[in-house]
Amino acid sequence: MVSKEYLSLSEAAELIGKNKETLRRWDREGKLTAVREPVSNYRVYKRTDIQTLFPEIFDIKVHETEEDHGEPKKDYNVIELFAGAGGLAIGLEKAGLKCLALNEIDKFACATLRKNRPQWNVLEGDIKDFDFKEFKNKVEVVTGGFPCQAFSYAGKRLGFEDARGTLFYEFARVVKDVNPPVCIGENVKGLLSHDGGKTLQGMISILDEIGYNVVPVKVLRAVNYNVPQKRERLILVGIRKDINIPFEYPKPNQKIFTLKDALKKGELYDCDVPASAGAKYPKSKKEVLDLVPPKGYWRDLPVEIQKEYMGGSFYLGGGKTGMARRIGWDEPCLTLTCSPAQKQTERCHPDETRPFTVREYARVQTFPDDWQFEGSIAQQYKQIGNAVPVNLAKEIGLSVVKFLNNYYSSLNPK
């Protein structure tokens, strides 16, 4: 296994938030040069070289305390679109915001929302079938984790009507109809480069057309916001053009939580993770993963087993560090997916040779232990894997509360 002094291409790309092709180009240009690791002879990156180039990753500024944000000065109402199983909604609730309505098309996720918050107004079905005009000027925030879809460009500049048929159009339609002071979209980091960046620029131009200035888009690393997971989410914030109040993203925390913090009693949770159902490995896969140590992956297997397990991938380039990967107690978990036992993105328990259980999955995403998920085990994993981590959502919510407090104070200066 690559030592801590050295990082594989995949590990280096994940750490600094760039894709592997960018690192290969930097290597060719001499900006960040790969070296041969003394033991394995694989091309790797020196941690010290990355530290020199990206000091902010290793020297994270301390977060302001939550008290600095202040309590909401009035009821701040939210409409959430594409709500999923409630990760974003719970986080915003913890920050003091009030969910006025939530839309979600997946029936199992809707059942989860109703099970846990019977008082929430859950609008189940296709967003295209709902009219939100009744909420005009009654809502402070519209949020939505819309899927990343390419647009068809009608001209040099993408307009609101050109985006018809996409879910971002529906998000923008609701924002236009409701007229909130702020709207927040969240998406995968890949939106930055989707269709050469045109998709994101199209979204920004549409929000501009309907009356919103977009704050510079930022990718937030969940691990910096009380989440024991290396997950990244792109956040897009639109501020209504009549408002001249700056929005500040949450500042990163100094403390990084690990898998142990997620599953054991400690600062994040006041008890060990509750027992729950979970997926199991087939016998053949378990026999292979039994040989992988904590924090190890397929390269820690005997060479003959590597070849058999990896098949043709064994001879291809790239680290493929997610394959046959066992997570360590003293590190944050890798990004959870919608299924706990996918070969390309393995997330094996540190001690036991099995995938994480449903409740362990939920802990890594910082859901409360009393938040129950409806549907089959597979549906529960899917809901959790798709969610915005609750603690990340709370930090975003606190920034929204601070912004809204400043906005309403500006309307009624003392």
Protein backbone atom coordinates (compact mmCIF):
# COMPACT_ATOMS: atom_id res chain seq x y z
CA MET A 1 0.00 0.00 0.00
CA VAL A 2 1.22 3.53 -0.79
CA SER A 3 2.66 5.01 2.39
CA LYS A 4 1.37 8.21 3.98
CA GLU A 5 4.42 10.00 2.64
CA TYR A 6 3.20 9.29 -0.90
CA LEU A 7 -0.23 9.53 -2.57
CA SER A 8 -1.45 7.68 -5.63
CA LEU A 9 -2.90 9.64 -8.56
CA SER A 10 -6.44 8.93 -7.34
CA GLU A 11 -5.65 9.86 -3.74
CA ALA A 12 -3.92 13.09 -4.76
CA ALA A 13 -6.80 14.05 -7.07
CA GLU A 14 -9.33 13.41 -4.29
CA LEU A 15 -7.33 15.38 -1.74
CA ILE A 16 -6.98 18.55 -3.81
CA GLY A 17 -10.35 18.32 -5.56
CA LYS A 18 -9.06 18.02 -9.13
CA ASN A 19 -9.63 15.30 -11.70
CA LYS A 20 -6.87 12.87 -12.58
CA GLU A 21 -6.40 14.28 -16.08
CA THR A 22 -5.60 17.69 -14.57
CA LEU A 23 -2.90 16.10 -12.40
CA ARG A 24 -1.46 14.29 -15.42
CA ARG A 25 -1.31 17.61 -17.29
CA TRP A 26 0.36 19.30 -14.31
CA ASP A 27 2.89 16.46 -14.24
CA ARG A 28 3.72 17.08 -17.91
CA GLU A 29 3.95 20.83 -17.32
CA GLY A 30 6.07 20.42 -14.19
CA LYS A 31 3.56 22.14 -11.88
CA LEU A 32 3.13 19.05 -9.68
CA THR A 33 5.54 16.28 -10.59
CA ALA A 34 4.93 12.60 -9.86
CA VAL A 35 7.82 10.42 -8.65
CA ARG A 36 8.51 6.70 -8.39
CA GLU A 37 7.53 5.33 -4.97
CA PRO A 38 10.65 3.53 -3.62
CA VAL A 39 8.93 0.25 -2.67
CA SER A 40 6.22 -0.32 -5.29
CA ASN A 41 7.84 1.72 -8.11
CA TYR A 42 4.40 3.15 -8.95
CA ARG A 43 4.20 6.80 -10.01
CA VAL A 44 2.99 8.70 -6.94
CA TYR A 45 2.94 12.20 -5.51
CA LYS A 46 4.91 13.37 -2.49
CA ARG A 47 2.60 14.67 0.21
CA THR A 48 5.08 17.48 0.90
CA ASP A 49 4.90 18.63 -2.75
CA ILE A 50 1.11 18.86 -2.52
CA GLN A 51 1.39 20.63 0.83
CA THR A 52 3.66 23.27 -0.72
CA LEU A 53 1.27 23.88 -3.62
CA PHE A 54 -1.96 23.71 -1.60
CA PRO A 55 -1.17 24.86 1.95
CA GLU A 56 -4.83 25.70 2.63
CA ILE A 57 -5.73 21.98 2.56
CA PHE A 58 -3.38 21.28 5.47
CA ASP A 59 -3.87 24.52 7.37
CA ILE A 60 -7.63 24.93 7.62
CA LYS A 61 -8.90 28.09 9.25
CA VAL A 62 -10.95 27.71 12.38
CA HIS A 63 -14.73 27.94 12.01
CA GLU A 64 -16.60 30.76 13.72
CA THR A 65 -18.70 29.46 16.57
CA GLU A 66 -22.35 28.82 15.86
CA GLU A 67 -23.34 31.63 18.22
CA ASP A 68 -21.80 34.13 15.79
CA HIS A 69 -24.59 33.40 13.29
CA GLY A 70 -27.33 34.37 15.74
CA GLU A 71 -30.83 32.98 16.08
CA PRO A 72 -33.36 33.63 13.30
CA LYS A 73 -34.94 37.04 13.90
CA LYS A 74 -38.28 35.77 12.59
CA ASP A 75 -39.71 32.61 11.03
CA TYR A 76 -37.69 31.89 7.90
CA ASN A 77 -39.64 29.59 5.58
CA VAL A 78 -38.15 27.18 3.07
CA ILE A 79 -39.53 25.34 0.06
CA GLU A 80 -37.39 22.35 -0.78
CA LEU A 81 -37.47 20.76 -4.22
CA PHE A 82 -36.05 17.28 -5.01
CA ALA A 83 -36.06 16.74 -1.25
CA GLY A 84 -35.01 13.08 -1.16
CA ALA A 85 -34.98 11.49 2.29
CA GLY A 86 -34.52 14.80 4.11
CA GLY A 87 -30.79 15.32 4.65
CA LEU A 88 -30.88 18.95 3.55
CA ALA A 89 -34.26 19.59 5.22
CA ILE A 90 -33.11 18.25 8.62
CA GLY A 91 -29.93 20.32 8.46
CA LEU A 92 -31.86 23.50 7.63
CA GLU A 93 -34.30 22.69 10.42
CA LYS A 94 -31.40 22.34 12.87
CA ALA A 95 -30.20 25.79 11.75
CA GLY A 96 -33.59 27.28 12.66
CA LEU A 97 -35.31 27.36 9.26
CA LYS A 98 -38.88 26.12 8.78
CA CYS A 99 -39.89 23.79 5.91
CA LEU A 100 -43.14 25.09 4.43
CA ALA A 101 -43.33 22.48 1.64
CA LEU A 102 -41.15 19.71 0.21
CA ASN A 103 -41.45 18.16 -3.24
CA GLU A 104 -40.11 14.70 -4.08
CA ILE A 105 -41.03 12.21 -6.82
CA ASP A 106 -39.69 9.02 -5.15
CA LYS A 107 -42.49 7.38 -3.16
CA PHE A 108 -40.15 5.71 -0.68
CA ALA A 109 -38.36 8.97 0.12
CA CYS A 110 -41.77 10.66 0.55
CA ALA A 111 -42.80 7.88 2.94
CA THR A 112 -39.59 8.52 4.90
CA LEU A 113 -40.32 12.26 5.14
CA ARG A 114 -43.90 11.67 6.31
CA LYS A 115 -42.85 8.99 8.79
CA ASN A 116 -40.41 11.31 10.56
CA ARG A 117 -42.14 14.67 10.15
CA PRO A 118 -45.92 14.15 9.89
CA GLN A 119 -46.39 17.92 10.11
CA TRP A 120 -44.36 18.60 6.95
CA ASN A 121 -46.28 19.39 3.76
CA VAL A 122 -44.85 16.68 1.47
CA LEU A 123 -45.86 17.16 -2.17
CA GLU A 124 -45.34 13.75 -3.77
CA GLY A 125 -44.97 13.56 -7.52
CA ASP A 126 -43.37 15.16 -10.58
CA ILE A 127 -42.43 18.78 -9.91
CA LYS A 128 -43.93 19.72 -13.29
CA ASP A 129 -47.38 18.94 -11.89
CA PHE A 130 -47.18 21.41 -8.99
CA ASP A 131 -47.92 25.13 -8.93
CA PHE A 132 -46.11 27.07 -6.20
CA LYS A 133 -47.55 30.54 -6.89
CA GLU A 134 -49.57 30.41 -3.65
CA PHE A 135 -46.26 30.76 -1.80
CA LYS A 136 -45.26 34.01 -3.53
CA ASN A 137 -43.55 36.39 -1.08
CA LYS A 138 -44.25 33.97 1.80
CA VAL A 139 -40.95 32.09 1.59
CA GLU A 140 -37.38 33.23 2.33
CA VAL A 141 -35.53 30.33 0.69
CA VAL A 142 -36.08 27.91 -2.20
CA THR A 143 -33.63 25.01 -2.22
CA GLY A 144 -33.15 22.09 -4.57
CA GLY A 145 -30.71 19.33 -5.43
CA PHE A 146 -31.64 19.27 -9.10
CA PRO A 147 -29.99 16.63 -11.33
CA CYS A 148 -27.20 17.67 -13.69
CA GLN A 149 -28.72 17.79 -17.19
CA ALA A 150 -27.31 19.34 -20.36
CA PHE A 151 -29.24 22.16 -22.00
CA SER A 152 -30.06 22.63 -25.68
CA TYR A 153 -28.77 26.05 -26.63
CA ALA A 154 -31.11 28.13 -28.78
CA GLY A 155 -28.60 30.94 -29.21
CA LYS A 156 -25.42 32.41 -27.80
CA ARG A 157 -27.04 33.01 -24.44
CA LEU A 158 -29.21 30.40 -22.76
CA GLY A 159 -32.56 31.82 -21.67
CA PHE A 160 -35.18 30.67 -19.21
CA GLU A 161 -37.48 29.23 -21.88
CA ASP A 162 -34.61 27.41 -23.62
CA ALA A 163 -34.20 25.19 -20.55
CA ARG A 164 -37.75 23.78 -20.73
CA GLY A 165 -37.83 20.04 -20.19
CA THR A 166 -34.97 20.09 -17.69
CA LEU A 167 -35.34 19.89 -13.94
CA PHE A 168 -33.28 23.04 -13.49
CA TYR A 169 -35.97 24.86 -15.48
CA GLU A 170 -38.51 23.64 -12.91
CA PHE A 171 -36.26 24.83 -10.08
CA ALA A 172 -35.97 28.25 -11.74
CA ARG A 173 -39.73 28.33 -12.42
CA VAL A 174 -40.47 27.87 -8.72
CA VAL A 175 -37.91 30.52 -7.74
CA LYS A 176 -39.47 32.95 -10.25
CA ASP A 177 -43.00 32.24 -8.99
CA VAL A 178 -42.16 32.35 -5.27
CA ASN A 179 -39.71 35.31 -5.37
CA PRO A 180 -37.63 34.42 -2.27
CA PRO A 181 -34.71 36.61 -1.14
CA VAL A 182 -32.34 33.67 -1.66
CA CYS A 183 -32.30 30.40 -3.61
CA ILE A 184 -29.82 27.57 -3.14
CA GLY A 185 -29.04 24.76 -5.54
CA GLU A 186 -26.77 21.85 -4.69
CA ASN A 187 -25.18 19.39 -7.06
CA VAL A 188 -22.21 17.14 -7.71
CA LYS A 189 -18.80 18.73 -8.23
CA GLY A 190 -18.91 17.45 -11.82
CA LEU A 191 -21.36 20.23 -12.69
CA LEU A 192 -18.33 22.56 -12.87
CA SER A 193 -17.03 20.74 -15.95
CA HIS A 194 -20.32 19.34 -17.33
CA ASP A 195 -20.53 20.09 -21.07
CA GLY A 196 -17.34 22.12 -20.83
CA GLY A 197 -18.80 24.35 -18.12
CA LYS A 198 -21.71 25.42 -20.35
CA THR A 199 -24.34 23.77 -18.16
CA LEU A 200 -23.36 25.79 -15.09
CA GLN A 201 -23.06 29.00 -17.10
CA GLY A 202 -26.53 28.33 -18.50
CA MET A 203 -27.92 28.00 -15.00
CA ILE A 204 -26.28 31.25 -13.94
CA SER A 205 -27.67 33.10 -16.98
CA ILE A 206 -31.19 31.79 -16.28
CA LEU A 207 -31.07 32.94 -12.66
CA ASP A 208 -29.79 36.30 -13.90
CA GLU A 209 -32.75 36.54 -16.28
CA ILE A 210 -35.31 35.86 -13.55
CA GLY A 211 -33.77 38.45 -11.22
CA TYR A 212 -31.03 36.75 -9.18
CA ASN A 213 -27.31 37.43 -8.88
CA VAL A 214 -25.29 34.27 -8.33
CA VAL A 215 -22.65 34.28 -5.61
CA PRO A 216 -19.39 32.71 -6.89
CA VAL A 217 -20.09 28.99 -6.97
CA LYS A 218 -18.23 26.94 -4.37
CA VAL A 219 -17.52 23.25 -3.82
CA LEU A 220 -17.80 22.42 -0.12
CA ARG A 221 -15.92 19.42 1.29
CA ALA A 222 -18.23 17.79 3.82
CA VAL A 223 -15.29 16.60 5.90
CA ASN A 224 -14.68 20.25 6.85
CA TYR A 225 -18.21 20.65 8.24
CA ASN A 226 -18.58 18.02 10.98
CA VAL A 227 -19.18 15.16 8.54
CA PRO A 228 -16.96 12.04 8.83
CA GLN A 229 -16.95 11.55 5.06
CA LYS A 230 -14.92 12.79 2.09
CA ARG A 231 -17.97 13.97 0.19
CA GLU A 232 -18.06 17.11 -1.96
CA ARG A 233 -21.09 19.14 -3.00
CA LEU A 234 -21.29 22.11 -5.33
CA ILE A 235 -23.39 24.92 -3.87
CA LEU A 236 -25.01 27.57 -6.07
CA VAL A 237 -26.49 30.58 -4.24
CA GLY A 238 -28.72 33.15 -5.93
CA ILE A 239 -29.53 36.48 -4.23
CA ARG A 240 -32.49 38.54 -5.44
CA LYS A 241 -31.21 41.60 -7.29
CA ASP A 242 -32.91 44.14 -5.07
CA ILE A 243 -30.85 42.90 -2.10
CA ASN A 244 -27.38 44.33 -1.54
CA ILE A 245 -26.32 42.08 1.35
CA PRO A 246 -23.31 39.77 0.93
CA PHE A 247 -23.74 36.01 1.40
CA GLU A 248 -20.86 34.23 3.15
CA TYR A 249 -20.32 30.51 2.77
CA PRO A 250 -19.73 28.59 6.01
CA LYS A 251 -16.10 28.60 7.05
CA PRO A 252 -14.40 25.21 7.35
CA ASN A 253 -13.85 23.60 10.74
CA GLN A 254 -10.48 22.78 12.16
CA LYS A 255 -11.55 19.37 13.49
CA ILE A 256 -11.85 16.47 11.07
CA PHE A 257 -14.10 13.61 12.20
CA THR A 258 -13.34 9.96 11.40
CA LEU A 259 -15.27 6.74 10.98
CA LYS A 260 -14.73 6.03 14.68
CA ASP A 261 -16.47 9.33 15.48
CA ALA A 262 -19.37 8.25 13.26
CA LEU A 263 -19.90 4.75 14.64
CA LYS A 264 -18.74 5.00 18.27
CA LYS A 265 -19.89 7.06 21.24
CA GLY A 266 -18.14 10.42 21.26
CA GLU A 267 -18.42 14.02 20.15
CA LEU A 268 -20.75 13.38 17.20
CA TYR A 269 -23.07 10.81 18.83
CA ASP A 270 -23.81 10.02 22.48
CA CYS A 271 -23.90 6.23 21.94
CA ASP A 272 -22.49 3.53 19.67
CA VAL A 273 -24.30 3.05 16.37
CA PRO A 274 -27.58 1.11 16.85
CA ALA A 275 -27.84 -2.37 15.35
CA SER A 276 -29.69 -2.59 12.04
CA ALA A 277 -30.08 -4.64 8.87
CA GLY A 278 -27.48 -4.48 6.14
CA ALA A 279 -26.23 -6.02 2.93
CA LYS A 280 -23.87 -9.00 2.88
CA TYR A 281 -21.03 -10.04 0.60
CA PRO A 282 -21.17 -13.28 -1.38
CA LYS A 283 -18.74 -15.92 -0.12
CA SER A 284 -16.25 -15.42 -2.97
CA LYS A 285 -16.00 -11.67 -2.37
CA LYS A 286 -15.75 -12.08 1.41
CA GLU A 287 -12.80 -14.44 1.01
CA VAL A 288 -10.95 -11.77 -0.98
CA LEU A 289 -11.81 -8.85 1.33
CA ASP A 290 -10.81 -10.90 4.38
CA LEU A 291 -7.23 -10.42 3.14
CA VAL A 292 -7.42 -6.61 2.96
CA PRO A 293 -6.23 -4.68 6.06
CA PRO A 294 -7.95 -1.52 7.40
CA LYS A 295 -7.22 1.43 5.06
CA GLY A 296 -6.05 -1.09 2.46
CA TYR A 297 -7.34 -1.85 -1.03
CA TRP A 298 -6.79 -4.29 -3.91
CA ARG A 299 -3.05 -3.61 -4.16
CA ASP A 300 -2.65 -5.11 -0.67
CA LEU A 301 -3.80 -8.51 -1.95
CA PRO A 302 -1.37 -11.20 -3.14
CA VAL A 303 -0.56 -10.54 -6.82
CA GLU A 304 -2.34 -13.65 -8.13
CA ILE A 305 -5.52 -12.72 -6.24
CA GLN A 306 -5.17 -9.14 -7.51
CA LYS A 307 -5.18 -10.42 -11.09
CA GLU A 308 -8.15 -12.71 -10.51
CA TYR A 309 -10.21 -10.10 -8.65
CA MET A 310 -9.43 -7.18 -10.95
CA GLY A 311 -9.58 -9.03 -14.25
CA GLY A 312 -8.59 -6.83 -17.19
CA SER A 313 -8.51 -3.76 -14.94
CA PHE A 314 -5.32 -5.11 -13.35
CA TYR A 315 -3.35 -4.15 -16.47
CA LEU A 316 -4.89 -0.69 -16.90
CA GLY A 317 -3.54 2.56 -15.45
CA GLY A 318 -4.91 4.46 -12.49
CA GLY A 319 -5.00 3.66 -8.81
CA LYS A 320 -8.63 2.41 -8.63
CA THR A 321 -8.34 2.96 -4.88
CA GLY A 322 -12.05 2.31 -4.32
CA MET A 323 -11.79 -1.35 -5.32
CA ALA A 324 -11.57 -3.92 -2.51
CA ARG A 325 -11.28 -0.94 -0.15
CA ARG A 326 -11.54 -1.38 3.60
CA ILE A 327 -12.08 1.85 5.55
CA GLY A 328 -9.93 2.60 8.60
CA TRP A 329 -11.26 3.73 11.97
CA ASP A 330 -8.96 6.76 12.08
CA GLU A 331 -9.93 8.27 8.72
CA PRO A 332 -13.10 9.84 7.31
CA CYS A 333 -15.15 7.47 5.18
CA LEU A 334 -14.93 7.72 1.42
CA THR A 335 -18.04 9.13 -0.31
CA LEU A 336 -21.00 6.80 0.14
CA THR A 337 -22.84 5.64 -2.96
CA CYS A 338 -26.43 4.45 -3.45
CA SER A 339 -25.37 0.83 -3.00
CA PRO A 340 -22.98 -0.28 -0.24
CA ALA A 341 -21.18 -3.04 -2.15
CA GLN A 342 -20.34 -1.78 -5.63
CA LYS A 343 -17.04 -3.18 -6.89
CA GLN A 344 -15.67 0.18 -8.07
CA THR A 345 -16.54 1.98 -4.83
CA GLU A 346 -16.10 -0.57 -2.06
CA ARG A 347 -16.67 0.60 1.51
CA CYS A 348 -15.86 -2.39 3.73
CA HIS A 349 -16.19 -2.20 7.53
CA PRO A 350 -12.80 -1.82 9.33
CA ASP A 351 -13.05 -4.95 11.51
CA GLU A 352 -15.78 -7.11 10.04
CA THR A 353 -15.78 -8.20 6.41
CA ARG A 354 -19.14 -6.75 5.39
CA PRO A 355 -20.63 -3.56 3.97
CA PHE A 356 -21.86 -0.87 6.35
CA THR A 357 -25.35 -1.44 7.74
CA VAL A 358 -28.20 0.97 7.08
CA ARG A 359 -27.68 2.77 10.40
CA GLU A 360 -23.91 2.93 9.87
CA TYR A 361 -24.56 4.45 6.45
CA ALA A 362 -26.89 6.98 8.07
CA ARG A 363 -24.29 7.84 10.74
CA VAL A 364 -21.65 8.56 8.07
CA GLN A 365 -24.17 10.97 6.51
CA THR A 366 -24.82 12.43 10.02
CA PHE A 367 -28.53 11.56 10.11
CA PRO A 368 -30.00 11.43 13.63
CA ASP A 369 -30.41 7.89 14.99
CA ASP A 370 -34.17 8.39 15.31
CA TRP A 371 -34.58 9.23 11.61
CA GLN A 372 -36.23 6.14 10.11
CA PHE A 373 -36.05 5.17 6.44
CA GLU A 374 -38.94 3.53 4.60
CA GLY A 375 -38.86 0.93 1.82
CA SER A 376 -36.65 -2.11 1.21
CA ILE A 377 -33.05 -2.26 2.44
CA ALA A 378 -31.91 -1.36 -1.08
CA GLN A 379 -34.25 1.64 -1.12
CA GLN A 380 -32.99 2.78 2.28
CA TYR A 381 -29.35 2.64 1.14
CA LYS A 382 -30.32 4.61 -1.99
CA GLN A 383 -32.06 7.33 0.03
CA ILE A 384 -29.10 7.71 2.39
CA GLY A 385 -26.47 7.61 -0.37
CA ASN A 386 -28.26 10.34 -2.34
CA ALA A 387 -28.68 12.68 0.63
CA VAL A 388 -26.90 15.89 1.50
CA PRO A 389 -25.05 15.19 4.78
CA VAL A 390 -27.16 16.64 7.59
CA ASN A 391 -24.31 18.47 9.33
CA LEU A 392 -23.16 20.07 6.07
CA ALA A 393 -26.76 21.19 5.44
CA LYS A 394 -26.89 22.68 8.95
CA GLU A 395 -23.76 24.75 8.30
CA ILE A 396 -25.23 26.04 5.03
CA GLY A 397 -28.44 26.79 6.92
CA LEU A 398 -26.58 28.81 9.55
CA SER A 399 -25.03 30.91 6.77
CA VAL A 400 -28.50 31.47 5.31
CA VAL A 401 -29.85 32.54 8.73
CA LYS A 402 -26.98 35.01 9.12
CA PHE A 403 -27.69 36.42 5.64
CA LEU A 404 -31.44 36.74 6.28
CA ASN A 405 -30.88 38.35 9.70
CA ASN A 406 -28.66 40.95 8.05
CA TYR A 407 -31.18 41.47 5.25
CA TYR A 408 -34.17 42.05 7.54
CA SER A 409 -32.07 44.26 9.83
CA SER A 410 -31.25 46.43 6.81
CA LEU A 411 -34.98 46.86 6.11
CA ASN A 412 -35.64 48.03 9.66
CA PRO A 413 -32.52 49.82 10.87
CA LYS A 414 -32.59 50.98 14.48
